[in-house]
Amino acid sequence: MTKADLIDEVSRLAELTRKDSEVIVETIFDSVVRSLRAGDKIEIRGFGSFRTRQRNPRTGRNPKTGEKVEVPAKKIPFFKPSKELKDLVNAGVADAAAAPLAPAPPTP
């Protein structure tokens, strides 16, 4: 699903104009980014949590030249799904795995 698909889905389900839905989706994404920049943790019950993790500086390697490159320390966004989200995703997999396959049509 792309951001445009998400905007269309919000527009359809909430019966809003596409423009209003776009404002809502953009506002949510901007709020998440602002909170992560400030070092806050975002927790959405039943979905998961977003936070940042610190990566230490390290020596990397340029794959093209093999030359050593110093990679500075940085913060990276990290998402941890909730147990409910994991269960919902895996319930769909379990249902699909439990469903019997349709027999192949006979070949003439």
PDB file of N, CA and C in Angstrom:
ATOM      1  N   MET A   1       0.850  -1.178   0.000  1.00  0.00           N
ATOM      2  CA  MET A   1       0.000   0.000   0.000  1.00  0.00           C
ATOM      3  C   MET A   1       0.896   1.242   0.000  1.00  0.00           C
ATOM      4  N   THR A   2       0.596   2.159  -0.869  1.00  0.00           N
ATOM      5  CA  THR A   2       1.351   3.410  -0.932  1.00  0.00           C
ATOM      6  C   THR A   2       0.622   4.491  -0.131  1.00  0.00           C
ATOM      7  N   LYS A   3       1.282   5.632   0.013  1.00  0.00           N
ATOM      8  CA  LYS A   3       0.643   6.744   0.724  1.00  0.00           C
ATOM      9  C   LYS A   3      -0.627   7.177  -0.002  1.00  0.00           C
ATOM     10  N   ALA A   4      -0.592   7.189  -1.328  1.00  0.00           N
ATOM     11  CA  ALA A   4      -1.775   7.567  -2.116  1.00  0.00           C
ATOM     12  C   ALA A   4      -2.914   6.572  -1.884  1.00  0.00           C
ATOM     13  N   ASP A   5      -2.575   5.283  -1.798  1.00  0.00           N
ATOM     14  CA  ASP A   5      -3.602   4.269  -1.517  1.00  0.00           C
ATOM     15  C   ASP A   5      -4.203   4.492  -0.140  1.00  0.00           C
ATOM     16  N   LEU A   6      -3.364   4.830   0.833  1.00  0.00           N
ATOM     17  CA  LEU A   6      -3.843   5.094   2.187  1.00  0.00           C
ATOM     18  C   LEU A   6      -4.774   6.300   2.213  1.00  0.00           C
ATOM     19  N   ILE A   7      -4.422   7.343   1.488  1.00  0.00           N
ATOM     20  CA  ILE A   7      -5.265   8.542   1.404  1.00  0.00           C
ATOM     21  C   ILE A   7      -6.612   8.187   0.779  1.00  0.00           C
ATOM     22  N   ASP A   8      -6.595   7.396  -0.281  1.00  0.00           N
ATOM     23  CA  ASP A   8      -7.842   6.975  -0.927  1.00  0.00           C
ATOM     24  C   ASP A   8      -8.705   6.151   0.025  1.00  0.00           C
ATOM     25  N   GLU A   9      -8.076   5.275   0.791  1.00  0.00           N
ATOM     26  CA  GLU A   9      -8.813   4.431   1.738  1.00  0.00           C
ATOM     27  C   GLU A   9      -9.457   5.275   2.838  1.00  0.00           C
ATOM     28  N   VAL A  10      -8.713   6.243   3.378  1.00  0.00           N
ATOM     29  CA  VAL A  10      -9.263   7.140   4.404  1.00  0.00           C
ATOM     30  C   VAL A  10     -10.426   7.934   3.812  1.00  0.00           C
ATOM     31  N   SER A  11     -10.254   8.425   2.610  1.00  0.00           N
ATOM     32  CA  SER A  11     -11.293   9.198   1.938  1.00  0.00           C
ATOM     33  C   SER A  11     -12.572   8.370   1.764  1.00  0.00           C
ATOM     34  N   ARG A  12     -12.406   7.119   1.363  1.00  0.00           N
ATOM     35  CA  ARG A  12     -13.550   6.241   1.126  1.00  0.00           C
ATOM     36  C   ARG A  12     -14.252   5.861   2.434  1.00  0.00           C
ATOM     37  N   LEU A  13     -13.479   5.452   3.428  1.00  0.00           N
ATOM     38  CA  LEU A  13     -14.070   4.978   4.681  1.00  0.00           C
ATOM     39  C   LEU A  13     -14.687   6.098   5.520  1.00  0.00           C
ATOM     40  N   ALA A  14     -14.042   7.267   5.519  1.00  0.00           N
ATOM     41  CA  ALA A  14     -14.540   8.379   6.333  1.00  0.00           C
ATOM     42  C   ALA A  14     -15.487   9.281   5.551  1.00  0.00           C
ATOM     43  N   GLU A  15     -15.671   8.955   4.276  1.00  0.00           N
ATOM     44  CA  GLU A  15     -16.530   9.757   3.394  1.00  0.00           C
ATOM     45  C   GLU A  15     -16.108  11.229   3.415  1.00  0.00           C
ATOM     46  N   LEU A  16     -14.808  11.438   3.199  1.00  0.00           N
ATOM     47  CA  LEU A  16     -14.241  12.782   3.134  1.00  0.00           C
ATOM     48  C   LEU A  16     -13.720  13.019   1.725  1.00  0.00           C
ATOM     49  N   THR A  17     -13.437  14.279   1.431  1.00  0.00           N
ATOM     50  CA  THR A  17     -12.821  14.567   0.139  1.00  0.00           C
ATOM     51  C   THR A  17     -11.385  14.056   0.167  1.00  0.00           C
ATOM     52  N   ARG A  18     -10.837  13.847  -1.002  1.00  0.00           N
ATOM     53  CA  ARG A  18      -9.451  13.366  -1.075  1.00  0.00           C
ATOM     54  C   ARG A  18      -8.511  14.390  -0.446  1.00  0.00           C
ATOM     55  N   LYS A  19      -8.794  15.662  -0.646  1.00  0.00           N
ATOM     56  CA  LYS A  19      -7.952  16.736  -0.091  1.00  0.00           C
ATOM     57  C   LYS A  19      -7.956  16.674   1.441  1.00  0.00           C
ATOM     58  N   ASP A  20      -9.143  16.513   2.048  1.00  0.00           N
ATOM     59  CA  ASP A  20      -9.229  16.419   3.509  1.00  0.00           C
ATOM     60  C   ASP A  20      -8.494  15.180   4.023  1.00  0.00           C
ATOM     61  N   SER A  21      -8.637  14.078   3.323  1.00  0.00           N
ATOM     62  CA  SER A  21      -7.968  12.843   3.713  1.00  0.00           C
ATOM     63  C   SER A  21      -6.457  12.993   3.617  1.00  0.00           C
ATOM     64  N   GLU A  22      -6.001  13.692   2.591  1.00  0.00           N
ATOM     65  CA  GLU A  22      -4.566  13.913   2.425  1.00  0.00           C
ATOM     66  C   GLU A  22      -4.020  14.741   3.588  1.00  0.00           C
ATOM     67  N   VAL A  23      -4.765  15.755   4.015  1.00  0.00           N
ATOM     68  CA  VAL A  23      -4.352  16.585   5.150  1.00  0.00           C
ATOM     69  C   VAL A  23      -4.248  15.726   6.409  1.00  0.00           C
ATOM     70  N   ILE A  24      -5.200  14.839   6.625  1.00  0.00           N
ATOM     71  CA  ILE A  24      -5.195  13.972   7.806  1.00  0.00           C
ATOM     72  C   ILE A  24      -3.975  13.058   7.801  1.00  0.00           C
ATOM     73  N   VAL A  25      -3.736  12.378   6.703  1.00  0.00           N
ATOM     74  CA  VAL A  25      -2.617  11.436   6.610  1.00  0.00           C
ATOM     75  C   VAL A  25      -1.291  12.183   6.763  1.00  0.00           C
ATOM     76  N   GLU A  26      -1.131  13.313   6.080  1.00  0.00           N
ATOM     77  CA  GLU A  26       0.100  14.098   6.185  1.00  0.00           C
ATOM     78  C   GLU A  26       0.318  14.583   7.617  1.00  0.00           C
ATOM     79  N   THR A  27      -0.749  15.000   8.298  1.00  0.00           N
ATOM     80  CA  THR A  27      -0.646  15.479   9.675  1.00  0.00           C
ATOM     81  C   THR A  27      -0.166  14.365  10.599  1.00  0.00           C
ATOM     82  N   ILE A  28      -0.698  13.171  10.410  1.00  0.00           N
ATOM     83  CA  ILE A  28      -0.272  12.037  11.233  1.00  0.00           C
ATOM     84  C   ILE A  28       1.207  11.737  10.998  1.00  0.00           C
ATOM     85  N   PHE A  29       1.623  11.656   9.748  1.00  0.00           N
ATOM     86  CA  PHE A  29       3.018  11.361   9.443  1.00  0.00           C
ATOM     87  C   PHE A  29       3.944  12.459   9.975  1.00  0.00           C
ATOM     88  N   ASP A  30       3.559  13.724   9.799  1.00  0.00           N
ATOM     89  CA  ASP A  30       4.378  14.831  10.296  1.00  0.00           C
ATOM     90  C   ASP A  30       4.503  14.789  11.816  1.00  0.00           C
ATOM     91  N   SER A  31       3.418  14.438  12.499  1.00  0.00           N
ATOM     92  CA  SER A  31       3.443  14.342  13.963  1.00  0.00           C
ATOM     93  C   SER A  31       4.390  13.239  14.426  1.00  0.00           C
ATOM     94  N   VAL A  32       4.375  12.112  13.731  1.00  0.00           N
ATOM     95  CA  VAL A  32       5.272  11.007  14.077  1.00  0.00           C
ATOM     96  C   VAL A  32       6.721  11.441  13.892  1.00  0.00           C
ATOM     97  N   VAL A  33       7.030  12.077  12.775  1.00  0.00           N
ATOM     98  CA  VAL A  33       8.408  12.514  12.496  1.00  0.00           C
ATOM     99  C   VAL A  33       8.865  13.542  13.527  1.00  0.00           C
ATOM    100  N   ARG A  34       8.005  14.516  13.844  1.00  0.00           N
ATOM    101  CA  ARG A  34       8.370  15.541  14.840  1.00  0.00           C
ATOM    102  C   ARG A  34       8.652  14.918  16.196  1.00  0.00           C
ATOM    103  N   SER A  35       7.823  13.969  16.599  1.00  0.00           N
ATOM    104  CA  SER A  35       8.014  13.312  17.893  1.00  0.00           C
ATOM    105  C   SER A  35       9.306  12.509  17.927  1.00  0.00           C
ATOM    106  N   LEU A  36       9.598  11.786  16.850  1.00  0.00           N
ATOM    107  CA  LEU A  36      10.834  11.011  16.805  1.00  0.00           C
ATOM    108  C   LEU A  36      12.053  11.917  16.810  1.00  0.00           C
ATOM    109  N   ARG A  37      11.991  13.040  16.098  1.00  0.00           N
ATOM    110  CA  ARG A  37      13.101  14.010  16.112  1.00  0.00           C
ATOM    111  C   ARG A  37      13.357  14.546  17.511  1.00  0.00           C
ATOM    112  N   ALA A  38      12.277  14.731  18.275  1.00  0.00           N
ATOM    113  CA  ALA A  38      12.403  15.261  19.636  1.00  0.00           C
ATOM    114  C   ALA A  38      12.842  14.173  20.619  1.00  0.00           C
ATOM    115  N   GLY A  39      12.947  12.922  20.152  1.00  0.00           N
ATOM    116  CA  GLY A  39      13.376  11.834  21.013  1.00  0.00           C
ATOM    117  C   GLY A  39      12.246  11.165  21.763  1.00  0.00           C
ATOM    118  N   ASP A  40      11.000  11.505  21.418  1.00  0.00           N
ATOM    119  CA  ASP A  40       9.842  10.902  22.082  1.00  0.00           C
ATOM    120  C   ASP A  40       9.540   9.530  21.494  1.00  0.00           C
ATOM    121  N   LYS A  41       8.826   8.726  22.269  1.00  0.00           N
ATOM    122  CA  LYS A  41       8.351   7.424  21.821  1.00  0.00           C
ATOM    123  C   LYS A  41       6.870   7.564  21.482  1.00  0.00           C
ATOM    124  N   ILE A  42       6.441   6.982  20.387  1.00  0.00           N
ATOM    125  CA  ILE A  42       5.041   7.034  19.986  1.00  0.00           C
ATOM    126  C   ILE A  42       4.466   5.640  20.173  1.00  0.00           C
ATOM    127  N   GLU A  43       3.389   5.525  20.929  1.00  0.00           N
ATOM    128  CA  GLU A  43       2.755   4.230  21.142  1.00  0.00           C
ATOM    129  C   GLU A  43       1.313   4.306  20.686  1.00  0.00           C
ATOM    130  N   ILE A  44       0.956   3.431  19.761  1.00  0.00           N
ATOM    131  CA  ILE A  44      -0.405   3.340  19.259  1.00  0.00           C
ATOM    132  C   ILE A  44      -0.935   1.979  19.706  1.00  0.00           C
ATOM    133  N   ARG A  45      -1.790   1.989  20.692  1.00  0.00           N
ATOM    134  CA  ARG A  45      -2.305   0.738  21.281  1.00  0.00           C
ATOM    135  C   ARG A  45      -2.940  -0.146  20.205  1.00  0.00           C
ATOM    136  N   GLY A  46      -2.593  -1.419  20.239  1.00  0.00           N
ATOM    137  CA  GLY A  46      -3.136  -2.371  19.281  1.00  0.00           C
ATOM    138  C   GLY A  46      -2.428  -2.357  17.941  1.00  0.00           C
ATOM    139  N   PHE A  47      -1.466  -1.442  17.756  1.00  0.00           N
ATOM    140  CA  PHE A  47      -0.739  -1.356  16.484  1.00  0.00           C
ATOM    141  C   PHE A  47       0.759  -1.555  16.701  1.00  0.00           C
ATOM    142  N   GLY A  48       1.353  -0.718  17.559  1.00  0.00           N
ATOM    143  CA  GLY A  48       2.776  -0.839  17.833  1.00  0.00           C
ATOM    144  C   GLY A  48       3.351   0.461  18.331  1.00  0.00           C
ATOM    145  N   SER A  49       4.676   0.494  18.437  1.00  0.00           N
ATOM    146  CA  SER A  49       5.330   1.708  18.922  1.00  0.00           C
ATOM    147  C   SER A  49       6.510   2.071  18.024  1.00  0.00           C
ATOM    148  N   PHE A  50       6.742   3.358  17.925  1.00  0.00           N
ATOM    149  CA  PHE A  50       7.860   3.909  17.170  1.00  0.00           C
ATOM    150  C   PHE A  50       8.804   4.562  18.165  1.00  0.00           C
ATOM    151  N   ARG A  51      10.110   4.385  17.954  1.00  0.00           N
ATOM    152  CA  ARG A  51      11.102   5.094  18.747  1.00  0.00           C
ATOM    153  C   ARG A  51      12.379   5.154  17.931  1.00  0.00           C
ATOM    154  N   THR A  52      13.369   5.826  18.473  1.00  0.00           N
ATOM    155  CA  THR A  52      14.645   5.887  17.767  1.00  0.00           C
ATOM    156  C   THR A  52      15.661   5.035  18.508  1.00  0.00           C
ATOM    157  N   ARG A  53      16.608   4.516  17.774  1.00  0.00           N
ATOM    158  CA  ARG A  53      17.727   3.770  18.341  1.00  0.00           C
ATOM    159  C   ARG A  53      19.009   4.446  17.901  1.00  0.00           C
ATOM    160  N   GLN A  54      20.001   4.403  18.767  1.00  0.00           N
ATOM    161  CA  GLN A  54      21.286   5.022  18.473  1.00  0.00           C
ATOM    162  C   GLN A  54      22.207   3.980  17.844  1.00  0.00           C
ATOM    163  N   ARG A  55      22.789   4.314  16.718  1.00  0.00           N
ATOM    164  CA  ARG A  55      23.798   3.459  16.088  1.00  0.00           C
ATOM    165  C   ARG A  55      25.166   4.054  16.385  1.00  0.00           C
ATOM    166  N   ASN A  56      26.081   3.232  16.825  1.00  0.00           N
ATOM    167  CA  ASN A  56      27.436   3.685  17.140  1.00  0.00           C
ATOM    168  C   ASN A  56      28.225   3.932  15.858  1.00  0.00           C
ATOM    169  N   PRO A  57      29.258   4.783  15.940  1.00  0.00           N
ATOM    170  CA  PRO A  57      30.099   4.970  14.755  1.00  0.00           C
ATOM    171  C   PRO A  57      30.847   3.671  14.454  1.00  0.00           C
ATOM    172  N   ARG A  58      31.168   3.466  13.192  1.00  0.00           N
ATOM    173  CA  ARG A  58      31.869   2.241  12.809  1.00  0.00           C
ATOM    174  C   ARG A  58      32.670   2.489  11.535  1.00  0.00           C
ATOM    175  N   THR A  59      33.502   1.540  11.227  1.00  0.00           N
ATOM    176  CA  THR A  59      34.259   1.601   9.987  1.00  0.00           C
ATOM    177  C   THR A  59      33.569   0.691   8.991  1.00  0.00           C
ATOM    178  N   GLY A  60      33.113   1.284   7.892  1.00  0.00           N
ATOM    179  CA  GLY A  60      32.459   0.520   6.845  1.00  0.00           C
ATOM    180  C   GLY A  60      33.392   0.328   5.666  1.00  0.00           C
ATOM    181  N   ARG A  61      32.865  -0.233   4.588  1.00  0.00           N
ATOM    182  CA  ARG A  61      33.666  -0.474   3.400  1.00  0.00           C
ATOM    183  C   ARG A  61      32.846  -0.110   2.177  1.00  0.00           C
ATOM    184  N   ASN A  62      33.448   0.660   1.287  1.00  0.00           N
ATOM    185  CA  ASN A  62      32.803   0.995   0.023  1.00  0.00           C
ATOM    186  C   ASN A  62      32.797  -0.273  -0.835  1.00  0.00           C
ATOM    187  N   PRO A  63      31.615  -0.808  -1.182  1.00  0.00           N
ATOM    188  CA  PRO A  63      31.580  -2.074  -1.917  1.00  0.00           C
ATOM    189  C   PRO A  63      32.172  -1.983  -3.321  1.00  0.00           C
ATOM    190  N   LYS A  64      32.184  -0.803  -3.883  1.00  0.00           N
ATOM    191  CA  LYS A  64      32.697  -0.655  -5.247  1.00  0.00           C
ATOM    192  C   LYS A  64      34.226  -0.647  -5.273  1.00  0.00           C
ATOM    193  N   THR A  65      34.835   0.106  -4.337  1.00  0.00           N
ATOM    194  CA  THR A  65      36.290   0.264  -4.349  1.00  0.00           C
ATOM    195  C   THR A  65      36.988  -0.561  -3.271  1.00  0.00           C
ATOM    196  N   GLY A  66      36.268  -1.013  -2.267  1.00  0.00           N
ATOM    197  CA  GLY A  66      36.875  -1.748  -1.170  1.00  0.00           C
ATOM    198  C   GLY A  66      37.533  -0.836  -0.147  1.00  0.00           C
ATOM    199  N   GLU A  67      37.449   0.469  -0.379  1.00  0.00           N
ATOM    200  CA  GLU A  67      38.077   1.459   0.495  1.00  0.00           C
ATOM    201  C   GLU A  67      37.319   1.557   1.826  1.00  0.00           C
ATOM    202  N   LYS A  68      38.077   1.711   2.928  1.00  0.00           N
ATOM    203  CA  LYS A  68      37.450   1.863   4.238  1.00  0.00           C
ATOM    204  C   LYS A  68      36.841   3.248   4.366  1.00  0.00           C
ATOM    205  N   VAL A  69      35.652   3.314   4.987  1.00  0.00           N
ATOM    206  CA  VAL A  69      34.925   4.568   5.145  1.00  0.00           C
ATOM    207  C   VAL A  69      34.443   4.647   6.594  1.00  0.00           C
ATOM    208  N   GLU A  70      34.632   5.804   7.211  1.00  0.00           N
ATOM    209  CA  GLU A  70      34.136   6.006   8.567  1.00  0.00           C
ATOM    210  C   GLU A  70      32.652   6.371   8.499  1.00  0.00           C
ATOM    211  N   VAL A  71      31.820   5.589   9.190  1.00  0.00           N
ATOM    212  CA  VAL A  71      30.385   5.839   9.234  1.00  0.00           C
ATOM    213  C   VAL A  71      30.086   6.470  10.593  1.00  0.00           C
ATOM    214  N   PRO A  72      29.545   7.698  10.610  1.00  0.00           N
ATOM    215  CA  PRO A  72      29.314   8.379  11.889  1.00  0.00           C
ATOM    216  C   PRO A  72      28.147   7.764  12.670  1.00  0.00           C
ATOM    217  N   ALA A  73      28.085   8.090  13.954  1.00  0.00           N
ATOM    218  CA  ALA A  73      26.955   7.669  14.791  1.00  0.00           C
ATOM    219  C   ALA A  73      25.695   8.352  14.280  1.00  0.00           C
ATOM    220  N   LYS A  74      24.569   7.663  14.435  1.00  0.00           N
ATOM    221  CA  LYS A  74      23.314   8.262  13.983  1.00  0.00           C
ATOM    222  C   LYS A  74      22.145   7.609  14.688  1.00  0.00           C
ATOM    223  N   LYS A  75      21.014   8.295  14.649  1.00  0.00           N
ATOM    224  CA  LYS A  75      19.763   7.751  15.185  1.00  0.00           C
ATOM    225  C   LYS A  75      18.984   7.165  14.026  1.00  0.00           C
ATOM    226  N   ILE A  76      18.337   6.024  14.280  1.00  0.00           N
ATOM    227  CA  ILE A  76      17.494   5.415  13.257  1.00  0.00           C
ATOM    228  C   ILE A  76      16.108   5.175  13.834  1.00  0.00           C
ATOM    229  N   PRO A  77      15.053   5.312  13.024  1.00  0.00           N
ATOM    230  CA  PRO A  77      13.710   5.005  13.509  1.00  0.00           C
ATOM    231  C   PRO A  77      13.547   3.494  13.637  1.00  0.00           C
ATOM    232  N   PHE A  78      12.788   3.081  14.639  1.00  0.00           N
ATOM    233  CA  PHE A  78      12.559   1.666  14.900  1.00  0.00           C
ATOM    234  C   PHE A  78      11.087   1.470  15.216  1.00  0.00           C
ATOM    235  N   PHE A  79      10.468   0.463  14.610  1.00  0.00           N
ATOM    236  CA  PHE A  79       9.060   0.144  14.855  1.00  0.00           C
ATOM    237  C   PHE A  79       8.967  -1.229  15.493  1.00  0.00           C
ATOM    238  N   LYS A  80       8.213  -1.318  16.572  1.00  0.00           N
ATOM    239  CA  LYS A  80       7.966  -2.599  17.231  1.00  0.00           C
ATOM    240  C   LYS A  80       6.466  -2.859  17.189  1.00  0.00           C
ATOM    241  N   PRO A  81       6.036  -3.892  16.446  1.00  0.00           N
ATOM    242  CA  PRO A  81       4.601  -4.177  16.358  1.00  0.00           C
ATOM    243  C   PRO A  81       4.064  -4.704  17.684  1.00  0.00           C
ATOM    244  N   SER A  82       2.794  -4.418  17.948  1.00  0.00           N
ATOM    245  CA  SER A  82       2.155  -4.910  19.168  1.00  0.00           C
ATOM    246  C   SER A  82       1.811  -6.388  19.001  1.00  0.00           C
ATOM    247  N   LYS A  83       1.534  -7.043  20.109  1.00  0.00           N
ATOM    248  CA  LYS A  83       1.133  -8.448  20.070  1.00  0.00           C
ATOM    249  C   LYS A  83      -0.152  -8.600  19.265  1.00  0.00           C
ATOM    250  N   GLU A  84      -1.089  -7.659  19.433  1.00  0.00           N
ATOM    251  CA  GLU A  84      -2.359  -7.744  18.691  1.00  0.00           C
ATOM    252  C   GLU A  84      -2.127  -7.685  17.186  1.00  0.00           C
ATOM    253  N   LEU A  85      -1.225  -6.798  16.746  1.00  0.00           N
ATOM    254  CA  LEU A  85      -0.927  -6.682  15.312  1.00  0.00           C
ATOM    255  C   LEU A  85      -0.286  -7.967  14.805  1.00  0.00           C
ATOM    256  N   LYS A  86       0.650  -8.512  15.566  1.00  0.00           N
ATOM    257  CA  LYS A  86       1.288  -9.768  15.169  1.00  0.00           C
ATOM    258  C   LYS A  86       0.250 -10.878  15.043  1.00  0.00           C
ATOM    259  N   ASP A  87      -0.656 -10.947  16.027  1.00  0.00           N
ATOM    260  CA  ASP A  87      -1.693 -11.981  16.000  1.00  0.00           C
ATOM    261  C   ASP A  87      -2.615 -11.816  14.798  1.00  0.00           C
ATOM    262  N   LEU A  88      -2.997 -10.565  14.487  1.00  0.00           N
ATOM    263  CA  LEU A  88      -3.873 -10.323  13.334  1.00  0.00           C
ATOM    264  C   LEU A  88      -3.203 -10.710  12.024  1.00  0.00           C
ATOM    265  N   VAL A  89      -1.920 -10.372  11.899  1.00  0.00           N
ATOM    266  CA  VAL A  89      -1.189 -10.700  10.664  1.00  0.00           C
ATOM    267  C   VAL A  89      -1.040 -12.212  10.543  1.00  0.00           C
ATOM    268  N   ASN A  90      -0.690 -12.870  11.636  1.00  0.00           N
ATOM    269  CA  ASN A  90      -0.485 -14.317  11.590  1.00  0.00           C
ATOM    270  C   ASN A  90      -1.788 -15.094  11.499  1.00  0.00           C
ATOM    271  N   ALA A  91      -2.909 -14.521  11.944  1.00  0.00           N
ATOM    272  CA  ALA A  91      -4.198 -15.186  11.801  1.00  0.00           C
ATOM    273  C   ALA A  91      -4.535 -15.343  10.324  1.00  0.00           C
ATOM    274  N   GLY A  92      -4.222 -14.345   9.526  1.00  0.00           N
ATOM    275  CA  GLY A  92      -4.455 -14.428   8.086  1.00  0.00           C
ATOM    276  C   GLY A  92      -3.589 -15.497   7.445  1.00  0.00           C
ATOM    277  N   VAL A  93      -2.354 -15.649   7.922  1.00  0.00           N
ATOM    278  CA  VAL A  93      -1.440 -16.664   7.395  1.00  0.00           C
ATOM    279  C   VAL A  93      -1.917 -18.047   7.799  1.00  0.00           C
ATOM    280  N   ALA A  94      -2.354 -18.192   9.047  1.00  0.00           N
ATOM    281  CA  ALA A  94      -2.825 -19.488   9.528  1.00  0.00           C
ATOM    282  C   ALA A  94      -4.086 -19.906   8.779  1.00  0.00           C
ATOM    283  N   ASP A  95      -4.993 -18.960   8.524  1.00  0.00           N
ATOM    284  CA  ASP A  95      -6.215 -19.267   7.780  1.00  0.00           C
ATOM    285  C   ASP A  95      -5.888 -19.732   6.367  1.00  0.00           C
ATOM    286  N   ALA A  96      -4.930 -19.051   5.739  1.00  0.00           N
ATOM    287  CA  ALA A  96      -4.559 -19.409   4.369  1.00  0.00           C
ATOM    288  C   ALA A  96      -3.862 -20.768   4.345  1.00  0.00           C
ATOM    289  N   ALA A  97      -3.046 -21.064   5.365  1.00  0.00           N
ATOM    290  CA  ALA A  97      -2.332 -22.338   5.409  1.00  0.00           C
ATOM    291  C   ALA A  97      -3.284 -23.486   5.718  1.00  0.00           C
ATOM    292  N   ALA A  98      -4.326 -23.221   6.501  1.00  0.00           N
ATOM    293  CA  ALA A  98      -5.266 -24.272   6.885  1.00  0.00           C
ATOM    294  C   ALA A  98      -6.266 -24.579   5.778  1.00  0.00           C
ATOM    295  N   ALA A  99      -6.495 -23.626   4.895  1.00  0.00           N
ATOM    296  CA  ALA A  99      -7.470 -23.832   3.813  1.00  0.00           C
ATOM    297  C   ALA A  99      -6.922 -24.857   2.824  1.00  0.00           C
ATOM    298  N   PRO A 100      -7.746 -25.845   2.454  1.00  0.00           N
ATOM    299  CA  PRO A 100      -7.271 -26.853   1.489  1.00  0.00           C
ATOM    300  C   PRO A 100      -7.107 -26.231   0.112  1.00  0.00           C
ATOM    301  N   LEU A 101      -6.143 -26.703  -0.600  1.00  0.00           N
ATOM    302  CA  LEU A 101      -5.933 -26.224  -1.972  1.00  0.00           C
ATOM    303  C   LEU A 101      -7.003 -26.826  -2.878  1.00  0.00           C
ATOM    304  N   ALA A 102      -7.458 -26.034  -3.816  1.00  0.00           N
ATOM    305  CA  ALA A 102      -8.445 -26.517  -4.779  1.00  0.00           C
ATOM    306  C   ALA A 102      -7.756 -27.507  -5.711  1.00  0.00           C
ATOM    307  N   PRO A 103      -8.410 -28.611  -6.031  1.00  0.00           N
ATOM    308  CA  PRO A 103      -7.790 -29.568  -6.942  1.00  0.00           C
ATOM    309  C   PRO A 103      -7.605 -28.953  -8.324  1.00  0.00           C
ATOM    310  N   ALA A 104      -6.548 -29.333  -8.963  1.00  0.00           N
ATOM    311  CA  ALA A 104      -6.267 -28.824 -10.305  1.00  0.00           C
ATOM    312  C   ALA A 104      -7.253 -29.447 -11.283  1.00  0.00           C
ATOM    313  N   PRO A 105      -7.719 -28.668 -12.253  1.00  0.00           N
ATOM    314  CA  PRO A 105      -8.654 -29.225 -13.241  1.00  0.00           C
ATOM    315  C   PRO A 105      -7.947 -30.286 -14.080  1.00  0.00           C
ATOM    316  N   PRO A 106      -8.675 -31.334 -14.458  1.00  0.00           N
ATOM    317  CA  PRO A 106      -8.041 -32.391 -15.261  1.00  0.00           C
ATOM    318  C   PRO A 106      -7.602 -31.859 -16.622  1.00  0.00           C
ATOM    319  N   THR A 107      -6.465 -32.334 -17.069  1.00  0.00           N
ATOM    320  CA  THR A 107      -5.978 -31.908 -18.380  1.00  0.00           C
ATOM    321  C   THR A 107      -6.505 -32.859 -19.434  1.00  0.00           C
ATOM    322  N   PRO A 108      -6.973 -32.364 -20.559  1.00  0.00           N
ATOM    323  CA  PRO A 108      -7.519 -33.255 -21.612  1.00  0.00           C
ATOM    324  C   PRO A 108      -6.464 -33.997 -22.342  1.00  0.00           C
TER     325      PRO A 108
END
